[in-house]
Amino acid sequence: MRHGRRHQGHRAADRIRTPRPGPPQPQAATFGFALNPSTWGNGYGTETVRLLLACAFEDLGLHRVWGARSPHNHASARTMERAGLTEEGSTSASTSNAPASGGTR
């Protein structure tokens, strides 16, 4: 499967809404994902993150992308690492100190 493929007449990039980044982080976005537990362990998470990153960098022209996850979800951390993200630290206490993984191009 390739990013940007047509689904019901729309490209994937046409269906993704990115928040308007503030002045300190122009052309940046944050993503999260959730999969049905019955699909875990099949590589779908890694494929999903890779597709999101391809869409963000290639289709939307973003320069920085963060992946958000629960601090207790170690499987999600491994998924993000396999997709090429690097854990950079934690966000503020207001978000339960969720680790942030980032990628740049």
N, C-alpha and C. Protein backbone atom coordinates (compact mmCIF):
# COMPACT_ATOMS: atom_id res chain seq x y z
N MET A 1 0.85 -1.17 0.00
CA MET A 1 0.00 0.00 0.00
C MET A 1 0.90 1.23 0.00
N ARG A 2 0.56 2.22 -0.75
CA ARG A 2 1.36 3.44 -0.86
C ARG A 2 0.55 4.60 -0.33
N HIS A 3 1.24 5.56 0.29
CA HIS A 3 0.55 6.75 0.78
C HIS A 3 -0.09 7.48 -0.40
N GLY A 4 -1.11 8.26 -0.11
CA GLY A 4 -1.75 9.06 -1.14
C GLY A 4 -2.62 8.27 -2.10
N ARG A 5 -2.81 6.97 -1.84
CA ARG A 5 -3.65 6.21 -2.76
C ARG A 5 -5.08 6.68 -2.64
N ARG A 6 -5.80 6.54 -3.68
CA ARG A 6 -7.19 7.02 -3.68
C ARG A 6 -8.08 6.03 -2.95
N HIS A 7 -8.96 6.59 -2.14
CA HIS A 7 -9.93 5.80 -1.40
C HIS A 7 -11.24 6.57 -1.44
N GLN A 8 -12.22 6.01 -2.02
CA GLN A 8 -13.53 6.65 -2.16
C GLN A 8 -13.40 8.03 -2.79
N GLY A 9 -12.51 8.14 -3.78
CA GLY A 9 -12.41 9.38 -4.54
C GLY A 9 -11.56 10.47 -3.92
N HIS A 10 -10.88 10.19 -2.82
CA HIS A 10 -10.06 11.21 -2.17
C HIS A 10 -8.68 10.66 -1.87
N ARG A 11 -7.68 11.54 -1.95
CA ARG A 11 -6.34 11.15 -1.52
C ARG A 11 -6.31 11.17 0.00
N ALA A 12 -5.41 10.38 0.59
CA ALA A 12 -5.27 10.36 2.04
C ALA A 12 -4.98 11.75 2.58
N ALA A 13 -4.14 12.51 1.89
CA ALA A 13 -3.78 13.85 2.35
C ALA A 13 -4.98 14.78 2.40
N ASP A 14 -5.98 14.53 1.58
CA ASP A 14 -7.18 15.36 1.57
C ASP A 14 -8.05 15.13 2.80
N ARG A 15 -7.87 13.99 3.46
CA ARG A 15 -8.71 13.66 4.61
C ARG A 15 -8.03 13.95 5.93
N ILE A 16 -6.75 14.29 5.92
CA ILE A 16 -6.01 14.54 7.16
C ILE A 16 -6.05 16.02 7.46
N ARG A 17 -6.47 16.33 8.66
CA ARG A 17 -6.48 17.72 9.09
C ARG A 17 -5.32 17.92 10.05
N THR A 18 -4.52 18.92 9.80
CA THR A 18 -3.41 19.22 10.69
C THR A 18 -3.72 20.50 11.44
N PRO A 19 -3.33 20.54 12.72
CA PRO A 19 -3.56 21.79 13.46
C PRO A 19 -2.68 22.89 12.88
N ARG A 20 -3.15 24.10 13.02
CA ARG A 20 -2.32 25.21 12.56
C ARG A 20 -1.15 25.35 13.52
N PRO A 21 0.05 25.11 13.04
CA PRO A 21 1.19 25.22 13.94
C PRO A 21 1.43 26.67 14.34
N GLY A 22 1.89 26.85 15.56
CA GLY A 22 2.21 28.19 16.05
C GLY A 22 3.53 28.67 15.47
N PRO A 23 3.86 29.91 15.67
CA PRO A 23 5.08 30.47 15.11
C PRO A 23 6.35 29.67 15.43
N PRO A 24 6.52 29.10 16.65
CA PRO A 24 7.77 28.39 16.91
C PRO A 24 7.93 27.09 16.10
N GLN A 25 6.84 26.52 15.61
CA GLN A 25 6.91 25.26 14.88
C GLN A 25 6.12 25.32 13.58
N PRO A 26 6.56 26.12 12.62
CA PRO A 26 5.85 26.15 11.35
C PRO A 26 6.02 24.83 10.62
N GLN A 27 5.04 24.47 9.87
CA GLN A 27 5.04 23.26 9.05
C GLN A 27 5.31 22.00 9.89
N ALA A 28 4.58 21.88 11.02
CA ALA A 28 4.73 20.74 11.92
C ALA A 28 3.35 20.20 12.28
N ALA A 29 3.32 18.95 12.73
CA ALA A 29 2.06 18.33 13.14
C ALA A 29 2.35 17.23 14.16
N THR A 30 1.30 16.84 14.89
CA THR A 30 1.36 15.75 15.85
C THR A 30 0.33 14.71 15.44
N PHE A 31 0.67 13.42 15.58
CA PHE A 31 -0.29 12.38 15.26
C PHE A 31 -0.37 11.38 16.39
N GLY A 32 -1.44 10.63 16.39
CA GLY A 32 -1.63 9.50 17.29
C GLY A 32 -2.39 8.44 16.51
N PHE A 33 -2.39 7.23 17.01
CA PHE A 33 -3.10 6.17 16.31
C PHE A 33 -3.58 5.14 17.31
N ALA A 34 -4.58 4.40 16.95
CA ALA A 34 -5.12 3.31 17.77
C ALA A 34 -5.54 2.18 16.85
N LEU A 35 -5.21 0.97 17.25
CA LEU A 35 -5.59 -0.21 16.47
C LEU A 35 -6.41 -1.15 17.33
N ASN A 36 -7.30 -1.87 16.71
CA ASN A 36 -8.08 -2.89 17.40
C ASN A 36 -7.11 -3.96 17.92
N PRO A 37 -7.23 -4.35 19.18
CA PRO A 37 -6.30 -5.36 19.72
C PRO A 37 -6.22 -6.66 18.91
N SER A 38 -7.27 -7.00 18.19
CA SER A 38 -7.22 -8.22 17.39
C SER A 38 -6.24 -8.11 16.23
N THR A 39 -5.78 -6.90 15.92
CA THR A 39 -4.83 -6.71 14.81
C THR A 39 -3.39 -6.53 15.29
N TRP A 40 -3.17 -6.48 16.59
CA TRP A 40 -1.83 -6.26 17.13
C TRP A 40 -0.89 -7.39 16.72
N GLY A 41 0.37 -7.07 16.54
CA GLY A 41 1.39 -8.07 16.25
C GLY A 41 1.51 -8.45 14.78
N ASN A 42 0.81 -7.75 13.90
CA ASN A 42 0.84 -8.05 12.47
C ASN A 42 1.59 -7.01 11.64
N GLY A 43 2.17 -6.01 12.28
CA GLY A 43 2.90 -4.97 11.55
C GLY A 43 2.02 -3.83 11.06
N TYR A 44 0.72 -3.86 11.38
CA TYR A 44 -0.17 -2.80 10.90
C TYR A 44 0.15 -1.46 11.53
N GLY A 45 0.58 -1.45 12.80
CA GLY A 45 0.93 -0.19 13.46
C GLY A 45 2.11 0.48 12.78
N THR A 46 3.15 -0.30 12.51
CA THR A 46 4.33 0.25 11.85
C THR A 46 3.97 0.76 10.46
N GLU A 47 3.17 -0.01 9.73
CA GLU A 47 2.75 0.41 8.40
C GLU A 47 1.93 1.69 8.48
N THR A 48 1.05 1.78 9.48
CA THR A 48 0.22 2.97 9.65
C THR A 48 1.08 4.20 9.91
N VAL A 49 2.05 4.07 10.82
CA VAL A 49 2.91 5.22 11.14
C VAL A 49 3.74 5.61 9.92
N ARG A 50 4.28 4.64 9.21
CA ARG A 50 5.05 4.96 8.00
C ARG A 50 4.21 5.68 6.97
N LEU A 51 2.97 5.26 6.80
CA LEU A 51 2.07 5.92 5.84
C LEU A 51 1.75 7.34 6.30
N LEU A 52 1.51 7.52 7.61
CA LEU A 52 1.25 8.86 8.12
C LEU A 52 2.45 9.78 7.91
N LEU A 53 3.64 9.25 8.15
CA LEU A 53 4.85 10.06 7.95
C LEU A 53 5.05 10.40 6.48
N ALA A 54 4.83 9.44 5.60
CA ALA A 54 4.96 9.71 4.17
C ALA A 54 3.97 10.77 3.73
N CYS A 55 2.75 10.67 4.21
CA CYS A 55 1.73 11.67 3.87
C CYS A 55 2.13 13.04 4.41
N ALA A 56 2.60 13.08 5.65
CA ALA A 56 2.98 14.35 6.27
C ALA A 56 4.13 15.02 5.53
N PHE A 57 5.18 14.26 5.24
CA PHE A 57 6.37 14.85 4.64
C PHE A 57 6.23 15.04 3.13
N GLU A 58 5.70 14.05 2.44
CA GLU A 58 5.67 14.11 0.98
C GLU A 58 4.43 14.82 0.44
N ASP A 59 3.26 14.50 0.97
CA ASP A 59 2.03 15.09 0.44
C ASP A 59 1.73 16.47 1.03
N LEU A 60 1.94 16.62 2.34
CA LEU A 60 1.61 17.88 3.00
C LEU A 60 2.79 18.84 3.10
N GLY A 61 4.00 18.36 2.85
CA GLY A 61 5.18 19.21 2.88
C GLY A 61 5.60 19.67 4.26
N LEU A 62 5.25 18.90 5.30
CA LEU A 62 5.64 19.28 6.65
C LEU A 62 7.13 19.03 6.85
N HIS A 63 7.70 19.72 7.84
CA HIS A 63 9.13 19.58 8.13
C HIS A 63 9.38 18.82 9.43
N ARG A 64 8.37 18.73 10.29
CA ARG A 64 8.53 18.05 11.58
C ARG A 64 7.21 17.41 11.98
N VAL A 65 7.30 16.19 12.49
CA VAL A 65 6.11 15.45 12.92
C VAL A 65 6.40 14.80 14.26
N TRP A 66 5.46 14.91 15.18
CA TRP A 66 5.56 14.25 16.47
C TRP A 66 4.50 13.17 16.57
N GLY A 67 4.85 12.08 17.21
CA GLY A 67 3.89 11.03 17.52
C GLY A 67 3.65 11.03 19.02
N ALA A 68 2.40 11.07 19.44
CA ALA A 68 2.06 11.09 20.86
C ALA A 68 1.59 9.71 21.28
N ARG A 69 1.96 9.31 22.49
CA ARG A 69 1.54 8.01 23.02
C ARG A 69 1.46 8.07 24.54
N SER A 70 0.80 7.10 25.11
CA SER A 70 0.74 6.98 26.57
C SER A 70 2.13 6.60 27.08
N PRO A 71 2.53 7.12 28.23
CA PRO A 71 3.84 6.76 28.76
C PRO A 71 3.93 5.28 29.14
N HIS A 72 2.81 4.62 29.26
CA HIS A 72 2.78 3.21 29.64
C HIS A 72 2.69 2.28 28.44
N ASN A 73 2.55 2.83 27.25
CA ASN A 73 2.37 2.01 26.05
C ASN A 73 3.72 1.77 25.37
N HIS A 74 4.44 0.78 25.87
CA HIS A 74 5.77 0.49 25.35
C HIS A 74 5.72 -0.12 23.96
N ALA A 75 4.65 -0.84 23.65
CA ALA A 75 4.50 -1.40 22.30
C ALA A 75 4.38 -0.28 21.27
N SER A 76 3.66 0.77 21.62
CA SER A 76 3.53 1.91 20.71
C SER A 76 4.88 2.60 20.52
N ALA A 77 5.67 2.67 21.58
CA ALA A 77 7.01 3.26 21.47
C ALA A 77 7.86 2.46 20.49
N ARG A 78 7.82 1.13 20.59
CA ARG A 78 8.59 0.29 19.67
C ARG A 78 8.09 0.44 18.24
N THR A 79 6.76 0.57 18.08
CA THR A 79 6.19 0.76 16.74
C THR A 79 6.71 2.05 16.12
N MET A 80 6.70 3.13 16.89
CA MET A 80 7.18 4.41 16.38
C MET A 80 8.67 4.34 16.05
N GLU A 81 9.44 3.66 16.88
CA GLU A 81 10.88 3.51 16.60
C GLU A 81 11.11 2.72 15.32
N ARG A 82 10.36 1.63 15.13
CA ARG A 82 10.50 0.83 13.90
C ARG A 82 10.16 1.66 12.67
N ALA A 83 9.24 2.61 12.81
CA ALA A 83 8.83 3.45 11.68
C ALA A 83 9.83 4.59 11.43
N GLY A 84 10.83 4.74 12.31
CA GLY A 84 11.85 5.75 12.08
C GLY A 84 11.82 6.95 12.99
N LEU A 85 10.90 7.00 13.95
CA LEU A 85 10.85 8.13 14.88
C LEU A 85 11.86 7.93 16.00
N THR A 86 12.27 9.01 16.61
CA THR A 86 13.21 8.99 17.72
C THR A 86 12.55 9.62 18.93
N GLU A 87 12.60 8.95 20.07
CA GLU A 87 12.00 9.52 21.27
C GLU A 87 12.85 10.69 21.74
N GLU A 88 12.18 11.83 21.94
CA GLU A 88 12.90 13.05 22.31
C GLU A 88 12.66 13.46 23.74
N GLY A 89 11.62 12.99 24.37
CA GLY A 89 11.34 13.40 25.75
C GLY A 89 9.87 13.34 26.03
N SER A 90 9.46 14.05 27.06
CA SER A 90 8.07 14.05 27.51
C SER A 90 7.46 15.43 27.34
N THR A 91 6.16 15.44 27.14
CA THR A 91 5.43 16.70 27.05
C THR A 91 5.07 17.15 28.45
N SER A 92 4.32 18.21 28.58
CA SER A 92 4.01 18.80 29.88
C SER A 92 3.18 17.87 30.76
N ALA A 93 3.14 18.17 32.04
CA ALA A 93 2.39 17.37 33.01
C ALA A 93 0.91 17.35 32.71
N SER A 94 0.42 18.36 32.00
CA SER A 94 -1.01 18.41 31.69
C SER A 94 -1.42 17.29 30.74
N THR A 95 -0.47 16.63 30.12
CA THR A 95 -0.78 15.51 29.24
C THR A 95 -0.19 14.21 29.77
N SER A 96 -0.11 14.10 31.09
CA SER A 96 0.36 12.88 31.76
C SER A 96 1.80 12.52 31.40
N ASN A 97 2.61 13.52 31.11
CA ASN A 97 4.01 13.27 30.75
C ASN A 97 4.15 12.27 29.60
N ALA A 98 3.30 12.39 28.63
CA ALA A 98 3.34 11.47 27.49
C ALA A 98 4.62 11.68 26.71
N PRO A 99 5.36 10.58 26.44
CA PRO A 99 6.57 10.71 25.63
C PRO A 99 6.24 11.23 24.24
N ALA A 100 7.14 11.99 23.71
CA ALA A 100 6.96 12.52 22.35
C ALA A 100 8.08 11.97 21.47
N SER A 101 7.71 11.40 20.36
CA SER A 101 8.66 10.93 19.38
C SER A 101 8.59 11.84 18.18
N GLY A 102 9.73 12.18 17.62
CA GLY A 102 9.71 13.13 16.53
C GLY A 102 10.49 12.66 15.33
N GLY A 103 10.13 13.21 14.20
CA GLY A 103 10.83 12.95 12.95
C GLY A 103 10.93 14.24 12.17
N THR A 104 12.02 14.40 11.46
CA THR A 104 12.18 15.61 10.65
C THR A 104 12.66 15.23 9.26
N ARG A 105 12.43 16.12 8.33
CA ARG A 105 12.96 15.99 6.97
C ARG A 105 13.34 17.35 6.49
